[in-house]
Amino acid sequence: MNKKSETVSANFLDFKPVPNSTKQVNVTEKGEVIILQENKGLFNFMAQKLLKKPKISQIHLDTMGNYIWPLMDGKMTVGDIAGKVKEHFGDDAEPLYERLIKYLKTLESYGFMEIQE
C-alpha cells in the first residue's frame, strides 16, 4: 500500500490483509507460525561468512500473531479479524484496534503480508 492510498483510503478496518505468497511459512502441529526470511545483501553475506549468521532466519510469531495469521485470507477485513481477536482473547487484546493495526502494518513493512483494498 502506498502513502497516497493510505491517506485517501476510507478506513483501515475495511482493508483485507493477505500473506505475501513469496514468503515461505511453516505452521507447526501446535499452530505456531514460523516465517522463513532469507538474509540477502552484502552486509548479511559478510555476517554469514564472518559471524556464522544463518542464511535464513526463522521469525516466530507470538500467541496473537499465531491466531491472526490464518485469518488473513484476503476475504476477511481487518474489522472482521478484530472481532474474532476480541472474541478469542477478550480484554487481553486491548487496546484492540491500535494494537492490531500496528501489528499488521509491521508485518506489511517487513513484506510478510499485503493489504488489499
C-alpha atoms as a PDB file:
ATOM      1  CA  MET A   1       0.000   0.000   0.000  1.00  0.00           C
ATOM      2  CA  ASN A   2       1.492   3.350  -0.953  1.00  0.00           C
ATOM      3  CA  LYS A   3       1.348   6.599   1.022  1.00  0.00           C
ATOM      4  CA  LYS A   4      -1.269   8.157  -1.259  1.00  0.00           C
ATOM      5  CA  SER A   5      -3.707   5.272  -0.928  1.00  0.00           C
ATOM      6  CA  GLU A   6      -3.141   5.297   2.825  1.00  0.00           C
ATOM      7  CA  THR A   7      -4.224   8.932   3.128  1.00  0.00           C
ATOM      8  CA  VAL A   8      -7.101   8.645   0.655  1.00  0.00           C
ATOM      9  CA  SER A   9      -8.463   5.340   1.972  1.00  0.00           C
ATOM     10  CA  ALA A  10     -11.791   5.312   3.747  1.00  0.00           C
ATOM     11  CA  ASN A  11     -10.992   3.117   6.721  1.00  0.00           C
ATOM     12  CA  PHE A  12      -8.168   0.681   7.520  1.00  0.00           C
ATOM     13  CA  LEU A  13     -10.715  -1.668   9.098  1.00  0.00           C
ATOM     14  CA  ASP A  14     -12.232  -2.251   5.637  1.00  0.00           C
ATOM     15  CA  PHE A  15      -8.936  -3.489   4.146  1.00  0.00           C
ATOM     16  CA  LYS A  16      -8.244  -7.182   3.622  1.00  0.00           C
ATOM     17  CA  PRO A  17      -4.828  -8.498   4.688  1.00  0.00           C
ATOM     18  CA  VAL A  18      -3.273 -11.421   2.838  1.00  0.00           C
ATOM     19  CA  PRO A  19       0.094 -13.158   3.424  1.00  0.00           C
ATOM     20  CA  ASN A  20       2.836 -12.475   0.883  1.00  0.00           C
ATOM     21  CA  SER A  21       2.823 -15.540  -1.360  1.00  0.00           C
ATOM     22  CA  THR A  22       6.581 -15.254  -1.995  1.00  0.00           C
ATOM     23  CA  LYS A  23       7.419 -15.913   1.669  1.00  0.00           C
ATOM     24  CA  GLN A  24       7.801 -19.443   2.920  1.00  0.00           C
ATOM     25  CA  VAL A  25       5.720 -20.072   6.023  1.00  0.00           C
ATOM     26  CA  ASN A  26       5.703 -23.166   8.220  1.00  0.00           C
ATOM     27  CA  VAL A  27       2.892 -23.931  10.634  1.00  0.00           C
ATOM     28  CA  THR A  28       3.660 -26.449  13.371  1.00  0.00           C
ATOM     29  CA  GLU A  29       1.207 -29.042  14.682  1.00  0.00           C
ATOM     30  CA  LYS A  30       0.537 -26.695  17.616  1.00  0.00           C
ATOM     31  CA  GLY A  31      -0.479 -23.918  15.197  1.00  0.00           C
ATOM     32  CA  GLU A  32       2.700 -21.880  15.676  1.00  0.00           C
ATOM     33  CA  VAL A  33       3.536 -19.803  12.604  1.00  0.00           C
ATOM     34  CA  ILE A  34       7.181 -19.557  11.521  1.00  0.00           C
ATOM     35  CA  ILE A  35       8.085 -17.227   8.650  1.00  0.00           C
ATOM     36  CA  LEU A  36      11.349 -18.013   6.869  1.00  0.00           C
ATOM     37  CA  GLN A  37      13.260 -14.889   5.826  1.00  0.00           C
ATOM     38  CA  GLU A  38      16.268 -15.145   3.515  1.00  0.00           C
ATOM     39  CA  ASN A  39      19.053 -12.793   4.573  1.00  0.00           C
ATOM     40  CA  LYS A  40      20.300 -11.111   1.393  1.00  0.00           C
ATOM     41  CA  GLY A  41      22.670  -8.268   0.660  1.00  0.00           C
ATOM     42  CA  LEU A  42      26.345  -7.504   1.241  1.00  0.00           C
ATOM     43  CA  PHE A  43      26.070  -6.923   4.998  1.00  0.00           C
ATOM     44  CA  ASN A  44      24.205 -10.201   5.511  1.00  0.00           C
ATOM     45  CA  PHE A  45      26.654 -12.051   3.274  1.00  0.00           C
ATOM     46  CA  MET A  46      29.571 -10.786   5.349  1.00  0.00           C
ATOM     47  CA  ALA A  47      27.781 -11.604   8.609  1.00  0.00           C
ATOM     48  CA  GLN A  48      27.122 -15.122   7.351  1.00  0.00           C
ATOM     49  CA  LYS A  49      30.785 -15.639   6.477  1.00  0.00           C
ATOM     50  CA  LEU A  50      32.465 -13.862   9.387  1.00  0.00           C
ATOM     51  CA  LEU A  51      29.985 -14.280  12.225  1.00  0.00           C
ATOM     52  CA  LYS A  52      28.397 -17.572  11.112  1.00  0.00           C
ATOM     53  CA  LYS A  53      24.943 -15.986  10.925  1.00  0.00           C
ATOM     54  CA  PRO A  54      22.236 -18.101   9.230  1.00  0.00           C
ATOM     55  CA  LYS A  55      21.333 -17.603   5.579  1.00  0.00           C
ATOM     56  CA  ILE A  56      17.666 -17.994   6.509  1.00  0.00           C
ATOM     57  CA  SER A  57      16.162 -16.555   9.695  1.00  0.00           C
ATOM     58  CA  GLN A  58      13.116 -18.033  11.371  1.00  0.00           C
ATOM     59  CA  ILE A  59      10.597 -15.475  12.618  1.00  0.00           C
ATOM     60  CA  HIS A  60       8.284 -16.958  15.256  1.00  0.00           C
ATOM     61  CA  LEU A  61       5.006 -15.110  15.743  1.00  0.00           C
ATOM     62  CA  ASP A  62       3.603 -14.504  19.217  1.00  0.00           C
ATOM     63  CA  THR A  63       0.367 -16.045  20.503  1.00  0.00           C
ATOM     64  CA  MET A  64      -1.837 -13.361  18.988  1.00  0.00           C
ATOM     65  CA  GLY A  65       0.096 -13.469  15.704  1.00  0.00           C
ATOM     66  CA  ASN A  66      -0.385 -17.245  15.525  1.00  0.00           C
ATOM     67  CA  TYR A  67      -4.123 -16.668  15.882  1.00  0.00           C
ATOM     68  CA  ILE A  68      -4.279 -13.789  13.375  1.00  0.00           C
ATOM     69  CA  TRP A  69      -2.135 -15.315  10.589  1.00  0.00           C
ATOM     70  CA  PRO A  70      -4.667 -17.927   9.336  1.00  0.00           C
ATOM     71  CA  LEU A  71      -7.432 -15.290   9.418  1.00  0.00           C
ATOM     72  CA  MET A  72      -5.557 -13.206   6.818  1.00  0.00           C
ATOM     73  CA  ASP A  73      -7.120 -14.937   3.832  1.00  0.00           C
ATOM     74  CA  GLY A  74      -7.901 -11.928   1.638  1.00  0.00           C
ATOM     75  CA  LYS A  75     -11.616 -12.341   2.363  1.00  0.00           C
ATOM     76  CA  MET A  76     -11.816 -11.151   5.973  1.00  0.00           C
ATOM     77  CA  THR A  77     -11.411  -7.447   6.636  1.00  0.00           C
ATOM     78  CA  VAL A  78      -9.266  -6.026   9.425  1.00  0.00           C
ATOM     79  CA  GLY A  79     -12.539  -5.241  11.214  1.00  0.00           C
ATOM     80  CA  ASP A  80     -13.651  -8.884  10.934  1.00  0.00           C
ATOM     81  CA  ILE A  81     -10.296 -10.047  12.273  1.00  0.00           C
ATOM     82  CA  ALA A  82     -10.531  -7.551  15.150  1.00  0.00           C
ATOM     83  CA  GLY A  83     -13.899  -9.018  16.124  1.00  0.00           C
ATOM     84  CA  LYS A  84     -12.518 -12.549  16.175  1.00  0.00           C
ATOM     85  CA  VAL A  85      -9.454 -11.457  18.157  1.00  0.00           C
ATOM     86  CA  LYS A  86     -11.688  -9.734  20.728  1.00  0.00           C
ATOM     87  CA  GLU A  87     -13.877 -12.823  20.964  1.00  0.00           C
ATOM     88  CA  HIS A  88     -10.873 -15.149  21.401  1.00  0.00           C
ATOM     89  CA  PHE A  89      -8.595 -13.066  23.671  1.00  0.00           C
ATOM     90  CA  GLY A  90     -11.137 -10.845  25.432  1.00  0.00           C
ATOM     91  CA  ASP A  91      -9.644  -7.985  27.449  1.00  0.00           C
ATOM     92  CA  ASP A  92      -6.103  -9.313  26.834  1.00  0.00           C
ATOM     93  CA  ALA A  93      -6.391  -7.948  23.277  1.00  0.00           C
ATOM     94  CA  GLU A  94      -6.868  -4.345  24.435  1.00  0.00           C
ATOM     95  CA  PRO A  95      -6.180  -1.780  23.106  1.00  0.00           C
ATOM     96  CA  LEU A  96      -7.525  -3.902  20.264  1.00  0.00           C
ATOM     97  CA  TYR A  97      -7.662  -1.672  17.190  1.00  0.00           C
ATOM     98  CA  GLU A  98      -4.452   0.259  17.814  1.00  0.00           C
ATOM     99  CA  ARG A  99      -2.569  -2.935  18.572  1.00  0.00           C
ATOM    100  CA  LEU A 100      -3.959  -4.897  15.614  1.00  0.00           C
ATOM    101  CA  ILE A 101      -3.387  -2.111  13.091  1.00  0.00           C
ATOM    102  CA  LYS A 102       0.178  -1.534  14.307  1.00  0.00           C
ATOM    103  CA  TYR A 103       0.840  -5.278  14.143  1.00  0.00           C
ATOM    104  CA  LEU A 104      -0.484  -5.573  10.585  1.00  0.00           C
ATOM    105  CA  LYS A 105       1.455  -2.505   9.439  1.00  0.00           C
ATOM    106  CA  THR A 106       4.619  -4.014  10.936  1.00  0.00           C
ATOM    107  CA  LEU A 107       4.038  -7.294   9.079  1.00  0.00           C
ATOM    108  CA  GLU A 108       3.451  -5.283   5.905  1.00  0.00           C
ATOM    109  CA  SER A 109       6.605  -3.195   6.383  1.00  0.00           C
ATOM    110  CA  TYR A 110       8.713  -6.389   6.534  1.00  0.00           C
ATOM    111  CA  GLY A 111       6.988  -7.713   3.408  1.00  0.00           C
ATOM    112  CA  PHE A 112       5.344 -10.634   5.219  1.00  0.00           C
ATOM    113  CA  MET A 113       1.837  -9.641   4.117  1.00  0.00           C
ATOM    114  CA  GLU A 114      -0.023  -7.209   1.885  1.00  0.00           C
ATOM    115  CA  ILE A 115      -3.111  -5.079   2.410  1.00  0.00           C
ATOM    116  CA  GLN A 116      -5.818  -5.282  -0.254  1.00  0.00           C
ATOM    117  CA  GLU A 117      -8.387  -2.527  -0.520  1.00  0.00           C
END
